[in-house]
Amino acid sequence: MATDVDDLIARDAAALWHPATHFDDLDALPPVAIVGAEGPWLHAASGARILDAIASWWTSVHGHRHPRVMAAIHRQVDTLDHVMFAGFTHAPAVLLAEGLLAAAGPGFSRVFFADSGSDAIEVALKLCLQYDAQAGAGRRRVAAFDHGYHGETLGALAACGSPTYRAAFADLLTETLFLPTPSLAEHRQHDLGSAAGAEDPACAAALELLGEHAGSIGALVVEPVVQCAGQMRMHGTGFLRRVVEHAQALGIPVIADEIAVGLGRTGRMFAHAWSGVVPDALCLGKGLSGGALPLSAVLLSPRFATAFRGAPSRAFAHSHTFCANPIAAAAGVASLGLLAERLGAPIDAGIAALDRARDAVARACPAVVASRQAGAIVAFDLRPHRRRPADGRIGLHLRAAAMARGVLLRPLGDTLYWMPPLELPPDALDRLVDATIGAIEEVLG
């Protein structure tokens, strides 16, 4: 078996280019060959069982291969694999759209399906700007939160407020107005729904900037509650409420990017609900299919439809080849049903357990200088205590130390985070705590 695994890794190195991976890092931390998965566990070809503590980039909301999601996929494979969605329809897409609209409430009336999170952001941005042009306003700029992340296609990348992602392509990106955001380093679950962040100086500055530039802004894109790729910054629901309400009062459509934080991740179906606001467009992805297949969606306010009626030139000429793929949509219907059953007591119990685990790690590790939580998202800000890596690559060394303990973590610089499946068994949570403490102590002391 070892020889087979070595051969696979060697062939991988010769043929593949992995995402978000520096070539030189592959020598120190080569890819792990995975042959199976179930629940929160990945099964390596070596025989090791690895806890997927980041839900495979935040997708596997129910754990891997949930029986109901798998059954829905198998049933759909037996009848219809794919059909173009221009001029055709099918039951899985209709059922999923109806379910999403029912869950989101009367603020939304239609669903546009796409393939990935970046695609969903592109759809929402283009639609808002075309709507604005066809309504006669002609505002062509976008506003977004500083430190935000919305994807890596050029339109979505233009709305990313982090130089890490933008720098290499800055001269190709459209101008974006970036709004300052609070950073609540000790955010807790009970802060959701409160006025947290509303009195932060960054909030007043953001409102002032929006007012100054309202005449040129055709869309504001926000990440409700957590800016995940921005080192899990939590800005407060009070801040979000004030900014969204101010933008909408100025006539600026608001796009909520809930690709990472939607679908139960914060303890509610949609994260923006904690602030009591209703965006004009809602982008979903990652866990939409239960993490099994590529699928994203944009839920749209009724305000948009009228501006796209009339001459054919007013149509929204945007399409994706696998838009509303029946197999992915069927998985989405099953996943949405599971979420509806689990929201409330089951997920709340998991969130409470994660909070206790967060506290245990924070108390055990002097290198933890702040810790925070929003739903099933936990983050630890770290600084060296008794030691530091010679190369300064704290995140890479923590990742390797956690993997040696059978846990998949992928820190964002000096911020280590957990984003596991929404319900984590006690034995898995125990391993997560032990591995996190062990990794932090090994790397930072």
Protein backbone atom coordinates (compact mmCIF):
# COMPACT_ATOMS: atom_id res chain seq x y z
CA MET A 1 0.00 0.00 0.00
CA ALA A 2 2.78 2.44 0.91
CA THR A 3 4.37 1.95 -2.51
CA ASP A 4 1.03 2.67 -4.23
CA VAL A 5 0.57 5.85 -2.19
CA ASP A 6 4.10 7.01 -2.93
CA ASP A 7 3.50 6.42 -6.62
CA LEU A 8 0.25 8.40 -6.54
CA ILE A 9 1.93 11.35 -4.78
CA ALA A 10 4.79 11.30 -7.30
CA ARG A 11 2.33 11.29 -10.22
CA ASP A 12 0.39 14.09 -8.56
CA ALA A 13 3.57 16.17 -8.29
CA ALA A 14 4.28 15.62 -11.98
CA ALA A 15 0.81 16.39 -13.31
CA LEU A 16 -1.18 18.67 -10.99
CA TRP A 17 -1.29 22.29 -9.86
CA HIS A 18 -3.05 22.52 -6.48
CA PRO A 19 -5.08 25.58 -5.44
CA ALA A 20 -3.79 28.05 -2.84
CA THR A 21 -0.52 26.11 -2.66
CA HIS A 22 3.07 27.31 -3.01
CA PHE A 23 5.12 24.76 -4.97
CA ASP A 24 7.99 24.82 -2.48
CA ASP A 25 5.63 23.99 0.39
CA LEU A 26 4.80 20.66 -1.22
CA ASP A 27 8.23 19.36 -0.30
CA ALA A 28 7.54 19.92 3.40
CA LEU A 29 3.84 19.15 3.33
CA PRO A 30 2.90 16.96 0.35
CA PRO A 31 -0.76 16.31 -0.45
CA VAL A 32 -2.42 13.48 1.47
CA ALA A 33 -4.05 10.78 -0.63
CA ILE A 34 -7.69 10.34 0.44
CA VAL A 35 -9.63 7.21 -0.47
CA GLY A 36 -12.88 7.73 1.44
CA ALA A 37 -14.85 9.90 3.83
CA GLU A 38 -17.76 9.59 6.23
CA GLY A 39 -19.23 12.09 8.65
CA PRO A 40 -16.47 14.40 9.93
CA TRP A 41 -13.73 11.91 8.98
CA LEU A 42 -11.44 11.63 5.96
CA HIS A 43 -9.87 8.23 5.31
CA ALA A 44 -6.31 8.43 4.01
CA ALA A 45 -4.74 5.83 1.73
CA SER A 46 -2.20 5.23 4.51
CA GLY A 47 -5.02 4.02 6.76
CA ALA A 48 -5.05 7.17 8.90
CA ARG A 49 -8.37 8.72 9.93
CA ILE A 50 -8.28 12.54 9.70
CA LEU A 51 -10.81 14.85 11.34
CA ASP A 52 -12.02 17.37 8.77
CA ALA A 53 -12.22 20.35 11.14
CA ILE A 54 -12.74 22.89 8.34
CA ALA A 55 -15.43 20.90 6.49
CA SER A 56 -13.26 20.75 3.36
CA TRP A 57 -13.16 24.51 2.84
CA TRP A 58 -16.45 25.09 4.65
CA THR A 59 -18.65 22.92 2.42
CA SER A 60 -19.45 19.71 4.28
CA VAL A 61 -22.16 21.11 6.56
CA HIS A 62 -23.66 17.68 7.41
CA GLY A 63 -20.40 15.76 7.30
CA HIS A 64 -19.22 13.72 4.34
CA ARG A 65 -21.52 11.33 2.48
CA HIS A 66 -24.64 11.97 4.54
CA PRO A 67 -27.01 9.08 3.68
CA ARG A 68 -29.91 11.32 2.64
CA VAL A 69 -27.77 13.48 0.38
CA MET A 70 -26.15 10.40 -1.16
CA ALA A 71 -29.54 8.75 -1.70
CA ALA A 72 -30.86 11.86 -3.46
CA ILE A 73 -27.84 11.87 -5.78
CA HIS A 74 -28.24 8.18 -6.61
CA ARG A 75 -31.95 8.60 -7.39
CA GLN A 76 -31.25 11.54 -9.67
CA VAL A 77 -28.40 9.80 -11.51
CA ASP A 78 -30.86 7.09 -12.49
CA THR A 79 -33.19 9.53 -14.29
CA LEU A 80 -31.48 12.70 -15.52
CA ASP A 81 -27.82 13.67 -15.42
CA HIS A 82 -27.92 17.10 -17.05
CA VAL A 83 -29.85 19.34 -19.39
CA MET A 84 -29.12 22.93 -20.35
CA PHE A 85 -31.17 25.31 -18.24
CA ALA A 86 -31.91 27.79 -21.02
CA GLY A 87 -35.29 26.73 -22.40
CA PHE A 88 -35.63 23.69 -20.10
CA THR A 89 -36.46 23.01 -16.48
CA HIS A 90 -36.63 20.04 -14.12
CA ALA A 91 -38.05 19.17 -10.73
CA PRO A 92 -34.84 19.34 -8.63
CA ALA A 93 -34.18 22.95 -9.66
CA VAL A 94 -37.77 24.02 -9.05
CA LEU A 95 -37.92 22.26 -5.69
CA LEU A 96 -34.63 23.75 -4.53
CA ALA A 97 -35.60 27.26 -5.64
CA GLU A 98 -38.96 26.98 -3.89
CA GLY A 99 -37.28 25.71 -0.72
CA LEU A 100 -34.72 28.51 -0.69
CA LEU A 101 -37.35 31.20 -1.28
CA ALA A 102 -39.56 29.78 1.47
CA ALA A 103 -36.63 29.74 3.90
CA ALA A 104 -35.52 33.27 2.98
CA GLY A 105 -38.95 34.89 3.22
CA PRO A 106 -40.92 37.41 1.15
CA GLY A 107 -37.93 39.69 0.49
CA PHE A 108 -36.90 37.39 -2.36
CA SER A 109 -38.84 36.22 -5.40
CA ARG A 110 -36.48 34.47 -7.82
CA VAL A 111 -33.37 32.28 -7.82
CA PHE A 112 -30.51 32.34 -10.34
CA PHE A 113 -28.35 29.21 -10.17
CA ALA A 114 -24.60 29.10 -10.85
CA ASP A 115 -21.67 26.77 -10.23
CA SER A 116 -19.42 28.27 -7.55
CA GLY A 117 -19.26 31.07 -5.04
CA SER A 118 -17.25 33.32 -7.35
CA ASP A 119 -19.83 32.71 -10.07
CA ALA A 120 -22.65 33.71 -7.73
CA ILE A 121 -20.88 36.97 -6.84
CA GLU A 122 -20.30 37.72 -10.53
CA VAL A 123 -24.00 37.14 -11.22
CA ALA A 124 -25.09 39.42 -8.39
CA LEU A 125 -22.65 42.21 -9.26
CA LYS A 126 -23.45 42.17 -12.97
CA LEU A 127 -27.16 42.00 -12.34
CA CYS A 128 -27.10 44.95 -9.92
CA LEU A 129 -25.03 47.10 -12.27
CA GLN A 130 -27.16 46.24 -15.32
CA TYR A 131 -30.29 46.91 -13.27
CA ASP A 132 -28.90 50.29 -12.30
CA ALA A 133 -28.07 51.17 -15.90
CA GLN A 134 -31.48 50.09 -17.20
CA ALA A 135 -33.22 52.00 -14.44
CA GLY A 136 -31.43 55.11 -15.70
CA ALA A 137 -29.09 55.73 -12.75
CA GLY A 138 -25.83 54.69 -14.40
CA ARG A 139 -23.82 54.09 -11.24
CA ARG A 140 -20.88 51.87 -12.16
CA ARG A 141 -18.82 51.47 -8.96
CA VAL A 142 -19.09 48.82 -6.27
CA ALA A 143 -18.60 49.24 -2.52
CA ALA A 144 -17.40 46.43 -0.25
CA PHE A 145 -15.95 45.82 3.20
CA ASP A 146 -12.25 46.19 3.84
CA HIS A 147 -10.60 42.80 4.57
CA GLY A 148 -13.41 41.08 2.63
CA TYR A 149 -13.16 38.14 0.24
CA HIS A 150 -15.66 37.28 -2.48
CA GLY A 151 -13.87 35.02 -4.94
CA GLU A 152 -11.06 35.03 -7.45
CA THR A 153 -12.64 35.68 -10.83
CA LEU A 154 -11.82 39.26 -11.83
CA GLY A 155 -15.20 40.80 -11.02
CA ALA A 156 -15.40 39.12 -7.63
CA LEU A 157 -11.72 39.81 -6.96
CA ALA A 158 -12.30 43.53 -7.50
CA ALA A 159 -14.59 43.46 -4.44
CA CYS A 160 -11.98 41.71 -2.26
CA GLY A 161 -10.53 44.09 0.30
CA SER A 162 -7.30 42.20 0.94
CA PRO A 163 -3.99 42.85 -0.89
CA THR A 164 -3.15 39.17 -0.50
CA TYR A 165 -5.62 38.33 -3.25
CA ARG A 166 -5.66 41.60 -5.22
CA ALA A 167 -2.01 42.65 -5.52
CA ALA A 168 -0.97 40.63 -8.57
CA PHE A 169 -3.98 41.80 -10.58
CA ALA A 170 -4.55 45.31 -9.24
CA ASP A 171 -4.17 46.98 -12.64
CA LEU A 172 -6.91 44.77 -14.10
CA LEU A 173 -9.55 45.36 -11.43
CA THR A 174 -12.38 47.85 -11.46
CA GLU A 175 -12.30 50.55 -8.81
CA THR A 176 -14.03 49.60 -5.56
CA LEU A 177 -14.89 51.74 -2.56
CA PHE A 178 -13.74 49.84 0.54
CA LEU A 179 -15.51 50.55 3.82
CA PRO A 180 -13.75 50.15 7.19
CA THR A 181 -15.07 47.40 9.44
CA PRO A 182 -14.88 46.76 13.19
CA SER A 183 -12.95 43.73 14.42
CA LEU A 184 -14.47 42.28 17.60
CA ALA A 185 -11.61 40.07 18.77
CA GLU A 186 -13.63 38.51 21.61
CA HIS A 187 -16.97 38.09 19.82
CA ARG A 188 -19.30 35.47 21.32
CA GLN A 189 -22.48 33.78 20.18
CA HIS A 190 -24.61 35.97 22.45
CA ASP A 191 -23.35 39.03 20.53
CA LEU A 192 -25.31 37.92 17.46
CA GLY A 193 -28.49 39.98 17.17
CA SER A 194 -27.13 42.67 19.50
CA ALA A 195 -25.95 46.19 18.68
CA ALA A 196 -22.33 44.97 18.61
CA GLY A 197 -20.14 47.05 16.31
CA ALA A 198 -22.68 49.82 15.81
CA GLU A 199 -20.78 52.28 18.01
CA ASP A 200 -17.35 51.37 16.70
CA PRO A 201 -15.58 54.32 14.98
CA ALA A 202 -15.31 52.18 11.84
CA CYS A 203 -19.11 52.14 11.60
CA ALA A 204 -19.40 55.92 11.54
CA ALA A 205 -16.61 56.11 8.96
CA ALA A 206 -18.32 53.52 6.75
CA LEU A 207 -21.62 55.38 6.86
CA GLU A 208 -19.91 58.65 5.99
CA LEU A 209 -18.09 57.12 3.02
CA LEU A 210 -21.30 55.60 1.67
CA GLY A 211 -23.05 58.94 1.89
CA GLU A 212 -20.20 60.77 0.14
CA HIS A 213 -20.08 58.32 -2.78
CA ALA A 214 -23.74 57.25 -3.04
CA GLY A 215 -24.11 58.86 -6.45
CA SER A 216 -21.55 56.52 -8.00
CA ILE A 217 -22.21 53.24 -6.12
CA GLY A 218 -24.38 50.70 -7.93
CA ALA A 219 -24.00 47.86 -5.40
CA LEU A 220 -22.67 47.18 -1.91
CA VAL A 221 -21.43 43.64 -1.25
CA VAL A 222 -21.11 42.51 2.38
CA GLU A 223 -20.20 39.38 4.31
CA PRO A 224 -22.70 39.16 7.16
CA VAL A 225 -21.30 38.38 10.63
CA VAL A 226 -17.91 36.88 9.65
CA GLN A 227 -15.29 37.87 7.08
CA CYS A 228 -13.99 34.35 6.79
CA ALA A 229 -10.94 34.64 4.54
CA GLY A 230 -10.10 37.91 6.30
CA GLN A 231 -8.80 35.92 9.28
CA MET A 232 -12.31 35.30 10.59
CA ARG A 233 -12.96 38.94 11.48
CA MET A 234 -16.31 39.38 13.24
CA HIS A 235 -17.67 42.90 12.77
CA GLY A 236 -20.90 42.74 14.77
CA THR A 237 -24.53 42.53 13.77
CA GLY A 238 -25.18 46.08 14.94
CA PHE A 239 -22.58 47.35 12.46
CA LEU A 240 -24.09 45.28 9.66
CA ARG A 241 -27.59 46.54 10.44
CA ARG A 242 -26.59 50.20 10.30
CA VAL A 243 -24.55 49.88 7.09
CA VAL A 244 -27.17 47.87 5.19
CA GLU A 245 -30.03 50.13 6.25
CA HIS A 246 -28.03 53.22 5.32
CA ALA A 247 -27.09 51.83 1.90
CA GLN A 248 -30.66 50.87 1.08
CA ALA A 249 -31.94 54.29 2.23
CA LEU A 250 -29.48 55.79 -0.28
CA GLY A 251 -30.93 53.56 -3.02
CA ILE A 252 -27.87 51.27 -3.18
CA PRO A 253 -28.72 47.56 -3.70
CA VAL A 254 -27.05 45.32 -1.10
CA ILE A 255 -25.57 41.93 -1.96
CA ALA A 256 -25.11 39.57 1.00
CA ASP A 257 -22.29 37.11 0.38
CA GLU A 258 -23.32 34.15 2.53
CA ILE A 259 -21.39 31.59 0.52
CA ALA A 260 -19.44 30.62 3.65
CA VAL A 261 -21.68 31.84 6.50
CA GLY A 262 -25.15 30.91 5.25
CA LEU A 263 -27.13 27.68 5.53
CA GLY A 264 -27.03 27.22 9.30
CA ARG A 265 -23.39 28.07 9.88
CA THR A 266 -24.15 30.86 12.39
CA GLY A 267 -27.10 29.06 14.02
CA ARG A 268 -29.74 30.51 11.68
CA MET A 269 -30.49 29.54 8.12
CA PHE A 270 -29.11 32.87 6.88
CA ALA A 271 -26.58 35.03 8.72
CA HIS A 272 -28.10 38.38 7.74
CA ALA A 273 -31.23 37.48 9.75
CA TRP A 274 -29.33 38.20 12.98
CA SER A 275 -29.29 41.89 12.01
CA GLY A 276 -32.96 42.04 11.02
CA VAL A 277 -32.09 43.32 7.54
CA VAL A 278 -33.08 41.93 4.14
CA PRO A 279 -30.48 42.31 1.37
CA ASP A 280 -31.47 42.78 -2.25
CA ALA A 281 -29.43 39.80 -3.42
CA LEU A 282 -28.31 36.79 -1.39
CA CYS A 283 -25.41 34.64 -2.62
CA LEU A 284 -25.17 31.02 -1.45
CA GLY A 285 -22.73 28.25 -2.26
CA LYS A 286 -20.26 25.83 -0.63
CA GLY A 287 -22.69 23.86 1.58
CA LEU A 288 -25.67 24.38 -0.73
CA SER A 289 -25.40 20.83 -2.10
CA GLY A 290 -24.41 19.46 1.28
CA GLY A 291 -20.81 19.82 0.16
CA ALA A 292 -21.15 17.01 -2.38
CA LEU A 293 -21.22 18.83 -5.73
CA PRO A 294 -20.50 22.30 -7.18
CA LEU A 295 -23.59 24.49 -6.85
CA SER A 296 -24.34 28.11 -6.01
CA ALA A 297 -27.36 30.38 -6.13
CA VAL A 298 -28.36 34.03 -6.02
CA LEU A 299 -31.71 34.87 -4.42
CA LEU A 300 -33.11 38.12 -5.79
CA SER A 301 -35.47 40.81 -4.59
CA PRO A 302 -38.67 41.43 -6.60
CA ARG A 303 -37.29 44.92 -7.37
CA PHE A 304 -35.07 43.60 -10.15
CA ALA A 305 -37.54 41.91 -12.47
CA THR A 306 -39.25 44.96 -13.98
CA ALA A 307 -35.99 46.55 -15.11
CA PHE A 308 -35.18 43.48 -17.22
CA ARG A 309 -38.50 43.35 -19.08
CA GLY A 310 -39.16 44.97 -22.46
CA ALA A 311 -36.75 44.83 -25.39
CA PRO A 312 -34.55 41.70 -25.78
CA SER A 313 -31.50 43.90 -25.20
CA ARG A 314 -32.68 44.33 -21.60
CA ALA A 315 -32.33 40.62 -20.84
CA PHE A 316 -29.65 39.41 -18.42
CA ALA A 317 -27.32 37.69 -20.90
CA HIS A 318 -25.43 35.58 -18.38
CA SER A 319 -25.22 31.80 -18.32
CA HIS A 320 -23.27 28.86 -16.94
CA THR A 321 -23.04 25.53 -18.76
CA PHE A 322 -23.93 23.46 -15.69
CA CYS A 323 -26.33 26.00 -14.18
CA ALA A 324 -28.95 24.16 -12.06
CA ASN A 325 -27.44 20.74 -12.80
CA PRO A 326 -30.14 18.23 -11.76
CA ILE A 327 -27.82 16.01 -9.69
CA ALA A 328 -26.40 18.93 -7.75
CA ALA A 329 -29.86 20.44 -7.29
CA ALA A 330 -31.22 17.13 -5.98
CA ALA A 331 -28.41 17.06 -3.44
CA GLY A 332 -29.34 20.63 -2.52
CA VAL A 333 -32.98 19.70 -1.90
CA ALA A 334 -31.90 16.91 0.46
CA SER A 335 -29.40 19.17 2.24
CA LEU A 336 -31.94 21.96 2.71
CA GLY A 337 -34.38 19.46 4.22
CA LEU A 338 -31.74 18.31 6.71
CA LEU A 339 -30.98 21.90 7.69
CA ALA A 340 -34.65 22.66 8.29
CA GLU A 341 -34.83 19.70 10.69
CA ARG A 342 -31.61 20.49 12.53
CA LEU A 343 -31.88 24.25 13.00
CA GLY A 344 -32.75 24.99 16.58
CA ALA A 345 -31.90 22.62 19.41
CA PRO A 346 -29.56 20.18 17.56
CA ILE A 347 -27.34 22.84 16.02
CA ASP A 348 -27.57 25.08 19.10
CA ALA A 349 -26.23 22.21 21.22
CA GLY A 350 -23.28 21.83 18.87
CA ILE A 351 -22.58 25.57 19.01
CA ALA A 352 -22.60 25.47 22.83
CA ALA A 353 -20.18 22.52 22.80
CA LEU A 354 -17.85 24.41 20.47
CA ASP A 355 -17.93 27.38 22.83
CA ARG A 356 -16.83 25.18 25.74
CA ALA A 357 -14.10 23.73 23.57
CA ARG A 358 -12.98 27.22 22.50
CA ASP A 359 -12.69 28.24 26.15
CA ALA A 360 -10.67 25.12 27.00
CA VAL A 361 -8.13 25.86 24.26
CA ALA A 362 -7.90 29.56 25.15
CA ARG A 363 -7.26 28.74 28.81
CA ALA A 364 -4.71 26.04 28.05
CA CYS A 365 -2.57 28.00 25.56
CA PRO A 366 -0.71 31.19 26.52
CA ALA A 367 -0.11 31.79 22.80
CA VAL A 368 -3.85 32.48 22.33
CA VAL A 369 -4.27 36.26 22.70
CA ALA A 370 -7.94 36.38 21.66
CA SER A 371 -10.67 33.93 20.74
CA ARG A 372 -14.09 34.43 19.23
CA GLN A 373 -17.13 32.55 17.97
CA ALA A 374 -20.13 33.03 15.73
CA GLY A 375 -22.22 29.87 15.43
CA ALA A 376 -20.11 26.93 14.31
CA ILE A 377 -17.16 29.19 13.51
CA VAL A 378 -14.41 29.56 16.12
CA ALA A 379 -11.18 31.53 15.73
CA PHE A 380 -8.03 31.97 17.81
CA ASP A 381 -5.58 34.85 17.33
CA LEU A 382 -2.07 33.65 18.16
CA ARG A 383 1.34 35.06 18.90
CA PRO A 384 4.56 33.24 19.76
CA HIS A 385 4.91 32.45 23.45
CA ARG A 386 8.07 30.42 24.09
CA ARG A 387 9.08 29.81 20.46
CA ARG A 388 8.39 30.94 16.90
CA PRO A 389 9.07 29.28 13.53
CA ALA A 390 12.37 30.43 12.06
CA ASP A 391 10.74 31.13 8.70
CA GLY A 392 7.81 33.01 10.24
CA ARG A 393 5.27 30.66 8.57
CA ILE A 394 3.07 30.18 11.63
CA GLY A 395 0.06 28.95 9.67
CA LEU A 396 2.00 26.37 7.69
CA HIS A 397 3.67 24.92 10.78
CA LEU A 398 0.40 24.77 12.70
CA ARG A 399 -1.21 22.98 9.78
CA ALA A 400 1.57 20.37 9.73
CA ALA A 401 1.44 19.91 13.51
CA ALA A 402 -2.33 19.43 13.46
CA MET A 403 -2.15 16.96 10.57
CA ALA A 404 0.43 14.93 12.51
CA ARG A 405 -2.26 14.65 15.20
CA GLY A 406 -4.92 13.51 12.72
CA VAL A 407 -6.78 16.82 12.29
CA LEU A 408 -7.18 18.97 9.19
CA LEU A 409 -6.74 22.64 10.08
CA ARG A 410 -5.72 25.36 7.65
CA PRO A 411 -4.86 28.52 9.62
CA LEU A 412 -5.06 31.94 8.05
CA GLY A 413 -1.67 33.36 8.98
CA ASP A 414 -1.57 33.69 12.76
CA THR A 415 -5.32 33.01 13.09
CA LEU A 416 -6.25 29.38 13.67
CA TYR A 417 -9.92 28.57 13.13
CA TRP A 418 -12.44 25.75 13.33
CA MET A 419 -15.34 25.39 10.92
CA PRO A 420 -16.35 21.72 11.23
CA PRO A 421 -19.64 20.08 10.19
CA LEU A 422 -22.56 21.62 12.06
CA GLU A 423 -22.92 18.65 14.40
CA LEU A 424 -19.66 17.18 15.66
CA PRO A 425 -19.66 13.94 17.73
CA PRO A 426 -18.07 14.19 21.20
CA ASP A 427 -15.11 11.99 20.29
CA ALA A 428 -14.35 14.19 17.28
CA LEU A 429 -14.60 17.36 19.36
CA ASP A 430 -12.25 15.87 21.97
CA ARG A 431 -9.71 15.11 19.27
CA LEU A 432 -10.07 18.63 17.87
CA VAL A 433 -9.36 20.22 21.26
CA ASP A 434 -6.39 17.97 22.01
CA ALA A 435 -4.86 18.41 18.56
CA THR A 436 -5.34 22.18 18.61
CA ILE A 437 -3.68 22.53 22.02
CA GLY A 438 -0.87 20.19 20.99
CA ALA A 439 -0.23 21.99 17.70
CA ILE A 440 -0.20 25.45 19.29
CA GLU A 441 2.16 24.32 22.07
CA GLU A 442 4.48 22.60 19.58
CA VAL A 443 4.75 25.57 17.23
CA LEU A 444 4.43 28.57 19.54
CA GLY A 445 4.84 27.30 23.11
